[in-house]
Protein backbone atom coordinates (compact mmCIF):
# COMPACT_ATOMS: atom_id res chain seq x y z
CA UNK A 1 -59.09 1.48 233.75
CA UNK A 2 -56.52 3.88 232.35
CA UNK A 3 -55.33 1.11 230.05
CA UNK A 4 -58.86 0.51 228.82
CA UNK A 5 -59.26 4.26 228.24
CA UNK A 6 -56.03 4.31 226.22
CA UNK A 7 -57.36 1.52 224.00
CA UNK A 8 -60.66 3.40 223.37
CA UNK A 9 -58.70 6.57 222.74
CA UNK A 10 -56.62 4.85 220.07
CA UNK A 11 -59.79 3.56 218.35
CA UNK A 12 -61.32 7.06 218.49
CA UNK A 13 -58.26 8.56 216.84
CA UNK A 14 -58.59 6.29 213.81
CA UNK A 15 -62.37 5.78 213.59
CA UNK A 16 -64.04 9.06 214.58
CA UNK A 17 -62.44 11.82 212.42
CA UNK A 18 -65.36 11.96 209.89
CA UNK A 19 -68.13 12.19 212.46
CA UNK A 20 -67.86 15.95 212.84
CA UNK A 21 -66.96 17.17 209.33
CA UNK A 22 -68.03 20.76 208.72
CA UNK A 23 -70.86 21.85 206.43
CA UNK A 24 -68.73 22.21 203.28
CA UNK A 25 -66.65 19.06 203.99
CA UNK A 26 -67.21 15.36 203.32
CA UNK A 27 -65.93 12.21 205.02
CA UNK A 28 -63.59 10.07 202.94
CA UNK A 29 -63.53 6.26 202.99
CA UNK A 30 -60.71 6.32 205.54
CA UNK A 31 -62.50 8.80 207.80
CA UNK A 32 -60.75 12.03 206.86
CA UNK A 33 -62.64 15.33 206.38
CA UNK A 34 -61.98 16.96 203.02
CA UNK A 35 -63.39 20.17 201.42
CA UNK A 36 -66.29 19.47 199.06
CA UNK A 37 -66.13 20.17 195.32
CA UNK A 38 -68.19 23.03 193.89
CA UNK A 39 -71.33 22.61 191.74
CA UNK A 40 -70.41 21.42 188.26
CA UNK A 41 -67.44 19.39 189.53
CA UNK A 42 -66.81 16.09 191.36
CA UNK A 43 -63.93 14.56 193.31
CA UNK A 44 -60.99 13.22 191.31
CA UNK A 45 -58.77 12.67 194.37
CA UNK A 46 -59.42 13.09 198.10
CA UNK A 47 -57.39 15.58 200.10
CA UNK A 48 -54.16 14.53 201.81
CA UNK A 49 -52.03 16.12 204.54
CA UNK A 50 -50.11 17.82 201.74
CA UNK A 51 -52.87 18.89 199.27
CA UNK A 52 -56.54 19.78 199.14
CA UNK A 53 -59.33 17.94 197.33
CA UNK A 54 -58.67 17.59 193.59
CA UNK A 55 -61.90 18.27 191.60
CA UNK A 56 -62.71 17.81 187.89
CA UNK A 57 -65.53 19.38 185.84
CA UNK A 58 -68.55 17.35 184.74
CA UNK A 59 -68.17 16.23 181.13
CA UNK A 60 -70.74 16.91 178.40
CA UNK A 61 -73.98 15.04 179.09
CA UNK A 62 -73.57 15.11 182.87
CA UNK A 63 -74.14 17.65 185.65
CA UNK A 64 -73.74 18.27 189.39
CA UNK A 65 -76.12 20.72 191.04
CA UNK A 66 -74.75 20.77 194.59
CA UNK A 67 -71.48 20.92 196.58
CA UNK A 68 -70.40 17.29 196.91
CA UNK A 69 -67.87 14.62 197.69
CA UNK A 70 -68.99 12.30 194.88
CA UNK A 71 -66.80 10.70 192.24
CA UNK A 72 -69.33 10.79 189.37
CA UNK A 73 -71.62 13.47 187.94
CA UNK A 74 -75.33 12.77 187.35
CA UNK A 75 -76.37 11.89 183.76
CA UNK A 76 -78.46 14.56 181.98
CA UNK A 77 -82.13 13.81 181.35
CA UNK A 78 -83.02 13.26 177.66
CA UNK A 79 -86.25 14.68 176.22
CA UNK A 80 -88.13 11.95 174.32
CA UNK A 81 -90.83 12.12 171.61
CA UNK A 82 -93.13 15.11 171.95
CA UNK A 83 -90.68 16.94 174.22
CA UNK A 84 -87.96 19.49 173.64
CA UNK A 85 -85.13 20.85 175.77
CA UNK A 86 -86.75 23.92 177.31
CA UNK A 87 -83.58 24.38 179.35
CA UNK A 88 -80.41 22.69 178.15
CA UNK A 89 -78.38 20.56 180.52
CA UNK A 90 -75.32 22.39 181.87
CA UNK A 91 -72.51 21.40 184.20
CA UNK A 92 -74.56 22.70 187.15
CA UNK A 93 -78.19 21.90 186.21
CA UNK A 94 -80.20 19.10 184.60
CA UNK A 95 -82.24 19.35 181.39
CA UNK A 96 -85.75 20.79 181.77
CA UNK A 97 -88.11 19.27 179.19
CA UNK A 98 -90.99 21.24 177.70
CA UNK A 99 -93.89 19.94 175.61
CA UNK A 100 -93.96 20.47 171.85
CA UNK A 101 -97.00 22.01 170.18
CA UNK A 102 -99.42 19.22 169.30
CA UNK A 103 -98.60 17.16 172.41
CA UNK A 104 -99.66 17.18 176.07
CA UNK A 105 -97.80 16.06 179.19
CA UNK A 106 -98.93 12.73 180.67
CA UNK A 107 -96.24 12.42 183.34
CA UNK A 108 -94.47 15.23 185.21
CA UNK A 109 -91.32 15.06 187.29
CA UNK A 110 -88.87 17.41 189.02
CA UNK A 111 -87.29 18.41 185.71
CA UNK A 112 -90.56 19.29 183.89
CA UNK A 113 -92.30 16.67 181.75
CA UNK A 114 -90.98 13.13 181.27
CA UNK A 115 -93.72 11.65 179.04
CA UNK A 116 -95.83 13.37 176.35
CA UNK A 117 -98.62 12.16 174.06
CA UNK A 118 -99.88 13.59 170.78
CA UNK A 119 -103.22 15.42 170.77
CA UNK A 120 -105.94 13.18 169.33
CA UNK A 121 -107.33 14.37 165.97
CA UNK A 122 -111.06 15.02 165.65
CA UNK A 123 -112.89 12.81 163.14
CA UNK A 124 -114.66 13.98 159.99
CA UNK A 125 -118.03 15.51 160.89
CA UNK A 126 -116.63 16.94 164.14
CA UNK A 127 -114.82 20.11 165.13
CA UNK A 128 -112.29 21.02 167.79
CA UNK A 129 -114.33 22.23 170.78
CA UNK A 130 -111.34 22.85 173.05
CA UNK A 131 -107.85 22.83 171.51
CA UNK A 132 -105.30 20.63 173.22
CA UNK A 133 -102.72 22.37 175.39
CA UNK A 134 -99.39 21.20 176.81
CA UNK A 135 -101.30 19.83 179.83
CA UNK A 136 -104.59 18.54 178.31
CA UNK A 137 -105.83 16.62 175.26
CA UNK A 138 -108.10 17.93 172.48
CA UNK A 139 -111.90 17.91 173.02
CA UNK A 140 -114.13 17.32 169.96
CA UNK A 141 -117.84 17.86 169.26
CA UNK A 142 -120.08 17.03 166.24
CA UNK A 143 -121.03 19.71 163.68
CA UNK A 144 -124.51 21.24 163.91
CA UNK A 145 -127.06 20.78 161.13
CA UNK A 146 -126.20 22.94 158.13
CA UNK A 147 -122.45 22.69 158.76
CA UNK A 148 -119.78 20.20 157.72
CA UNK A 149 -116.19 19.28 158.63
CA UNK A 150 -114.19 17.25 156.14
CA UNK A 151 -110.93 17.17 158.10
CA UNK A 152 -112.18 17.42 161.71
CA UNK A 153 -110.89 20.94 162.36
CA UNK A 154 -113.71 23.50 161.98
CA UNK A 155 -117.37 23.23 161.01
CA UNK A 156 -118.12 25.27 157.85
CA UNK A 157 -121.59 26.33 156.69
CA UNK A 158 -122.93 24.54 153.63
CA UNK A 159 -122.47 26.44 150.34
CA UNK A 160 -125.52 28.28 149.03
CA UNK A 161 -125.80 27.70 145.27
CA UNK A 162 -125.86 30.90 143.21
CA UNK A 163 -128.63 32.02 140.86
CA UNK A 164 -126.89 30.35 137.90
CA UNK A 165 -126.44 27.01 139.72
CA UNK A 166 -128.61 24.11 140.89
CA UNK A 167 -127.96 21.78 143.85
CA UNK A 168 -127.04 18.26 142.73
CA UNK A 169 -125.91 16.87 146.11
CA UNK A 170 -127.22 17.66 149.61
CA UNK A 171 -124.67 18.52 152.27
CA UNK A 172 -124.10 16.45 155.43
CA UNK A 173 -121.78 16.57 158.46
CA UNK A 174 -118.88 15.26 156.37
CA UNK A 175 -119.20 17.08 153.03
CA UNK A 176 -120.46 20.31 151.49
CA UNK A 177 -123.40 20.95 149.17
CA UNK A 178 -122.47 20.32 145.51
CA UNK A 179 -123.72 22.90 143.01
CA UNK A 180 -123.92 22.59 139.23
CA UNK A 181 -123.82 25.53 136.84
CA UNK A 182 -126.92 25.74 134.61
CA UNK A 183 -125.13 27.77 131.91
CA UNK A 184 -122.17 30.11 131.64
CA UNK A 185 -123.00 33.55 132.93
CA UNK A 186 -123.38 36.09 130.11
CA UNK A 187 -123.41 39.71 131.16
CA UNK A 188 -125.82 41.66 129.05
CA UNK A 189 -125.58 44.73 131.24
CA UNK A 190 -123.56 46.51 128.55
CA UNK A 191 -125.48 45.52 125.40
CA UNK A 192 -129.09 45.61 126.62
CA UNK A 193 -129.21 49.28 127.76
CA UNK A 194 -127.45 50.37 124.57
CA UNK A 195 -129.84 48.34 122.47
CA UNK A 196 -132.89 49.89 124.14
CA UNK A 197 -131.43 53.37 123.77
CA UNK A 198 -130.60 52.85 120.09
CA UNK A 199 -134.01 51.37 119.29
CA UNK A 200 -135.63 54.39 120.90
CA UNK A 201 -133.53 56.78 118.82
CA UNK A 202 -134.19 54.82 115.62
CA UNK A 203 -137.89 54.71 116.26
CA UNK A 204 -138.09 58.43 116.90
CA UNK A 205 -136.11 59.32 113.78
CA UNK A 206 -138.14 57.07 111.50
CA UNK A 207 -141.39 58.34 112.97
CA UNK A 208 -140.28 61.96 112.55
CA UNK A 209 -139.20 61.29 108.96
CA UNK A 210 -142.62 60.05 107.80
CA UNK A 211 -144.67 62.39 110.02
CA UNK A 212 -142.97 65.40 108.48
CA UNK A 213 -143.51 63.95 104.98
CA UNK A 214 -139.87 64.22 104.13
CA UNK A 215 -138.61 62.83 100.85
CA UNK A 216 -138.47 59.04 100.71
CA UNK A 217 -134.77 59.12 99.83
CA UNK A 218 -134.04 60.92 103.08
CA UNK A 219 -136.20 58.51 105.06
CA UNK A 220 -134.47 55.53 103.49
CA UNK A 221 -131.09 57.11 104.23
CA UNK A 222 -132.15 57.49 107.86
CA UNK A 223 -133.26 53.85 107.92
CA UNK A 224 -129.91 52.66 106.50
CA UNK A 225 -128.02 54.72 109.11
CA UNK A 226 -130.08 53.09 111.88
CA UNK A 227 -129.39 49.61 110.47
CA UNK A 228 -125.64 50.33 110.47
CA UNK A 229 -125.82 51.52 114.08
CA UNK A 230 -127.71 48.36 115.04
CA UNK A 231 -125.03 46.25 113.33
CA UNK A 232 -122.27 48.02 115.26
CA UNK A 233 -124.24 47.42 118.46
CA UNK A 234 -124.53 43.73 117.58
CA UNK A 235 -120.74 43.49 117.21
CA UNK A 236 -120.20 45.14 120.62
CA UNK A 237 -122.85 42.85 122.07
CA UNK A 238 -120.97 39.78 120.83
CA UNK A 239 -117.74 41.09 122.32
CA UNK A 240 -119.53 41.66 125.62
CA UNK A 241 -120.78 38.08 125.56
CA UNK A 242 -117.26 36.65 125.26
CA UNK A 243 -115.26 39.24 127.20
CA UNK A 244 -117.43 40.36 130.09
CA UNK A 245 -118.37 37.13 131.98
CA UNK A 246 -115.61 37.54 134.62
CA UNK A 247 -116.06 41.25 135.22
CA UNK A 248 -118.71 40.79 137.93
CA UNK A 249 -117.81 37.53 139.71
CA UNK A 250 -119.45 37.23 143.13
CA UNK A 251 -117.47 37.47 146.38
CA UNK A 252 -116.94 33.69 146.74
CA UNK A 253 -116.17 33.18 143.02
CA UNK A 254 -112.99 33.42 140.96
CA UNK A 255 -112.36 34.20 137.30
CA UNK A 256 -111.02 31.37 135.14
CA UNK A 257 -108.50 31.78 132.34
CA UNK A 258 -111.32 31.79 129.78
CA UNK A 259 -113.27 34.46 131.67
CA UNK A 260 -115.91 32.35 133.45
CA UNK A 261 -116.87 32.75 137.12
CA UNK A 262 -116.52 29.61 139.26
CA UNK A 263 -117.14 28.99 143.00
CA UNK A 264 -113.95 29.27 145.09
CA UNK A 265 -112.48 26.31 146.99
CA UNK A 266 -112.61 26.32 150.81
CA UNK A 267 -109.63 26.84 153.12
CA UNK A 268 -107.39 23.80 153.14
CA UNK A 269 -108.16 22.98 149.49
CA UNK A 270 -107.23 24.25 146.01
CA UNK A 271 -108.69 23.93 142.51
CA UNK A 272 -108.19 20.64 140.69
CA UNK A 273 -110.56 21.52 137.84
CA UNK A 274 -112.52 24.66 136.99
CA UNK A 275 -116.30 24.57 136.88
CA UNK A 276 -118.09 23.75 133.63
CA UNK A 277 -121.68 24.05 132.40
CA UNK A 278 -122.25 20.50 133.72
CA UNK A 279 -120.37 20.59 137.07
CA UNK A 280 -119.07 22.88 139.78
CA UNK A 281 -115.44 23.54 140.77
CA UNK A 282 -113.50 20.38 141.66
CA UNK A 283 -111.29 20.94 144.74
CA UNK A 284 -108.56 18.78 146.34
CA UNK A 285 -107.12 18.98 149.90
CA UNK A 286 -103.63 20.36 150.56
CA UNK A 287 -101.12 17.54 150.95
CA UNK A 288 -98.79 17.16 153.93
CA UNK A 289 -96.30 20.02 154.11
CA UNK A 290 -98.61 22.56 152.45
CA UNK A 291 -101.55 24.72 153.53
CA UNK A 292 -104.21 27.16 152.28
CA UNK A 293 -105.59 29.70 154.75
CA UNK A 294 -108.22 31.42 152.58
CA UNK A 295 -111.01 30.72 150.06
CA UNK A 296 -109.28 30.64 146.69
CA UNK A 297 -109.15 29.81 143.00
CA UNK A 298 -105.50 28.70 143.08
CA UNK A 299 -104.04 25.47 141.73
CA UNK A 300 -101.29 25.03 144.37
CA UNK A 301 -101.22 25.21 148.18
CA UNK A 302 -98.62 27.32 149.99
CA UNK A 303 -95.53 25.44 151.34
CA UNK A 304 -95.32 25.18 155.15
CA UNK A 305 -92.64 27.24 156.90
CA UNK A 306 -89.80 25.13 158.37
CA UNK A 307 -88.34 25.97 161.79
CA UNK A 308 -84.54 26.12 161.50
CA UNK A 309 -81.77 25.88 164.12
CA UNK A 310 -82.76 27.28 167.50
CA UNK A 311 -86.47 27.11 166.65
CA UNK A 312 -89.21 24.55 167.24
CA UNK A 313 -92.73 24.13 165.88
CA UNK A 314 -94.81 25.98 168.46
CA UNK A 315 -97.85 25.38 166.24
CA UNK A 316 -97.68 22.63 163.66
CA UNK A 317 -98.58 23.35 160.05
CA UNK A 318 -102.10 22.16 159.15
CA UNK A 319 -104.10 22.15 155.93
CA UNK A 320 -105.54 25.56 156.88
CA UNK A 321 -102.69 27.31 158.73
CA UNK A 322 -98.92 27.75 158.46
CA UNK A 323 -96.31 26.66 161.02
CA UNK A 324 -95.70 29.05 163.93
CA UNK A 325 -92.09 28.82 165.12
CA UNK A 326 -91.09 29.34 168.76
CA UNK A 327 -87.61 29.87 170.18
CA UNK A 328 -85.77 27.06 171.99
CA UNK A 329 -84.28 27.66 175.42
CA UNK A 330 -80.75 28.98 175.00
CA UNK A 331 -81.58 30.99 171.84
CA UNK A 332 -83.14 34.36 171.08
CA UNK A 333 -85.09 35.60 168.05
CA UNK A 334 -83.23 37.84 165.60
CA UNK A 335 -85.99 38.07 162.95
CA UNK A 336 -89.66 38.05 163.92
CA UNK A 337 -92.58 37.44 161.59
CA UNK A 338 -96.08 38.37 162.64
CA UNK A 339 -97.79 35.41 161.01
CA UNK A 340 -95.28 32.58 161.55
CA UNK A 341 -93.55 33.65 164.78
CA UNK A 342 -89.75 33.71 164.61
CA UNK A 343 -87.87 33.05 161.37
CA UNK A 344 -84.23 33.30 162.59
CA UNK A 345 -82.76 32.49 166.02
CA UNK A 346 -79.26 32.80 167.45
CA UNK A 347 -77.68 31.09 170.45
CA UNK A 348 -77.24 33.13 173.63
CA UNK A 349 -73.70 34.46 174.02
CA UNK A 350 -71.81 32.46 176.71
CA UNK A 351 -70.10 34.54 179.39
CA UNK A 352 -66.33 34.11 179.58
CA UNK A 353 -64.38 32.84 182.57
CA UNK A 354 -64.08 35.60 185.17
CA UNK A 355 -67.57 36.91 184.33
CA UNK A 356 -71.07 36.12 185.47
CA UNK A 357 -74.49 36.28 183.84
CA UNK A 358 -75.89 39.70 184.77
CA UNK A 359 -79.12 39.32 182.78
CA UNK A 360 -80.04 35.87 181.46
CA UNK A 361 -80.92 35.69 177.78
CA UNK A 362 -84.60 35.37 176.87
CA UNK A 363 -86.42 34.37 173.69
CA UNK A 364 -86.17 38.02 172.56
CA UNK A 365 -82.81 39.21 173.98
CA UNK A 366 -79.21 37.98 174.27
CA UNK A 367 -77.31 37.30 177.51
CA UNK A 368 -75.72 40.27 179.31
CA UNK A 369 -72.43 39.51 181.12
CA UNK A 370 -70.41 41.40 183.76
CA UNK A 371 -67.00 40.76 185.40
CA UNK A 372 -66.72 39.26 188.91
CA UNK A 373 -65.99 41.64 191.80
CA UNK A 374 -62.72 41.30 193.80
CA UNK A 375 -62.91 38.32 196.16
CA UNK A 376 -65.07 36.31 193.76
CA UNK A 377 -64.32 33.97 190.85
CA UNK A 378 -66.17 32.32 187.96
CA UNK A 379 -64.52 29.37 186.27
CA UNK A 380 -67.29 28.67 183.74
CA UNK A 381 -68.85 32.12 183.26
CA UNK A 382 -72.11 31.38 185.10
CA UNK A 383 -72.02 32.77 188.66
CA UNK A 384 -69.35 34.47 190.72
CA UNK A 385 -68.55 32.43 193.85
CA UNK A 386 -66.70 33.79 196.88
CA UNK A 387 -63.11 32.65 197.36
CA UNK A 388 -62.70 29.74 199.78
CA UNK A 389 -61.49 30.65 203.28
CA UNK A 390 -58.88 28.09 204.36
CA UNK A 391 -59.76 26.30 207.61
CA UNK A 392 -57.69 26.29 210.78
CA UNK A 393 -55.92 23.10 209.72
CA UNK A 394 -55.07 24.45 206.25
CA UNK A 395 -52.84 27.13 204.80
CA UNK A 396 -53.24 29.13 201.60
CA UNK A 397 -50.80 28.06 198.88
CA UNK A 398 -52.30 30.06 195.99
CA UNK A 399 -54.25 33.31 195.86
CA UNK A 400 -57.58 33.39 194.11
CA UNK A 401 -58.38 35.54 191.07
CA UNK A 402 -61.40 36.23 188.84
CA UNK A 403 -60.94 32.87 187.09
CA UNK A 404 -60.05 30.44 189.90
CA UNK A 405 -60.53 29.85 193.62
CA UNK A 406 -58.06 30.08 196.49
CA UNK A 407 -56.07 26.83 196.89
CA UNK A 408 -55.66 25.53 200.44
CA UNK A 409 -53.27 22.87 201.71
CA UNK A 410 -53.84 20.78 204.83
CA UNK A 411 -51.10 21.30 207.43
CA UNK A 412 -51.73 17.97 209.13
CA UNK A 413 -54.42 15.35 209.27
CA UNK A 414 -57.20 16.39 211.61
CA UNK A 415 -57.56 14.08 214.62
CA UNK A 416 -60.61 14.56 216.76
CA UNK A 417 -59.60 14.20 220.35
CA UNK A 418 -62.90 15.18 221.86
CA UNK A 419 -63.90 11.59 222.70
CA UNK A 420 -60.64 10.37 224.37
CA UNK A 421 -60.30 13.65 226.33
CA UNK A 422 -63.82 13.38 227.73
CA UNK A 423 -63.25 9.71 228.57
CA UNK A 424 -59.88 10.57 230.17
CA UNK A 425 -61.43 13.28 232.37
CA UNK A 426 -64.28 10.99 233.41
CA UNK A 427 -61.87 8.18 234.26
CA UNK A 428 -59.54 10.45 236.25
CA UNK A 429 -62.56 11.70 238.24
CA UNK A 430 -63.61 8.11 239.05
CA UNK A 431 -59.99 7.15 240.02
CA UNK A 432 -59.72 10.20 242.25
CA UNK A 433 -62.97 9.34 244.05
CA UNK A 434 -61.88 5.75 244.56
CA UNK A 435 -58.49 6.82 245.96
CA UNK A 436 -60.10 9.45 248.17
CA UNK A 437 -62.57 6.88 249.44
């Protein structure tokens, strides 16, 4: 029986060592217990009786988010169409994907969103009832009577033709009312009151001249003076006809280069041709990459703002609104615009080795770093980890500092004798009982 026990003991020595590895240790292929590698690193070489575990950092595009005994880092997740890197992949954490403006998430996973789809556009004659979000698609509804939507964004009330225009085309859900000018507007407000006033004065003077039986020469002189004044008034009246038309354009009208008043174009469109006596203003939509956010009499749309490095299109440019730029994860805004969001972003400052991130950077502020306290180290400038305490079977061969950990060396290969000892004691007890019996 003792021989059998010896055989089992020998097997236990060579087969059991990895069964009771400690929490921060891993079992090697030959059954040894070795210290695990930290987050952000993996095993290059297992420990030996003469050296500890040799670890190497994860290369760019890979990560390791846990203490481990693995030989390869995990590949970073890539953010596909409609997604952006909300949190960049680092040596210790995977990419977290966010949803770009104009898309919604169709499939979520542990790292955020893995599949996004573009918001559906509303058709002409409809408006956006509920705008799409990063979790839901757009909801559309048809325009009510008396409103139209050419591009499927908002429903706009039909234009009411002015007093100097006639309706030549009824509006519907897809297009506006079309008005036609009856004649160019001529402002007589300046000439008519003056004419009435002058005629009154002339009439009174002529009447007084003959009623008082003044000499005919004087009356004729008075008449000639009145004729001259009427001629001067006629000249000013002509000037008013040609110069005054644009002085009193209505609120939704603009003044042309030749002084006429024409109806303005709607948001999202600009003037292709000014109105004439036969037709209203001809408008054209803003092309891709341009917008117009107000009623206007302009010939060109405004160019859309482009989001540069560190920024993403939080709200895409449309025919009626400019791009609104948001800040990517890992950057902060240095120049903020009220109407288009952020115009200039800068990458968060990385903390140096021997320091940790005291306050993580946000979209508005940079990273704040601080040095590690004694007894802690930071190899990559992320967190300060406590120095490793060498186990009973190891000895310290290098002190730790703010940049690197303590280095331990195994004194001898650990052999777990707990199984053969228990078997030996049990067998000796049985032998003793048999002999005593």
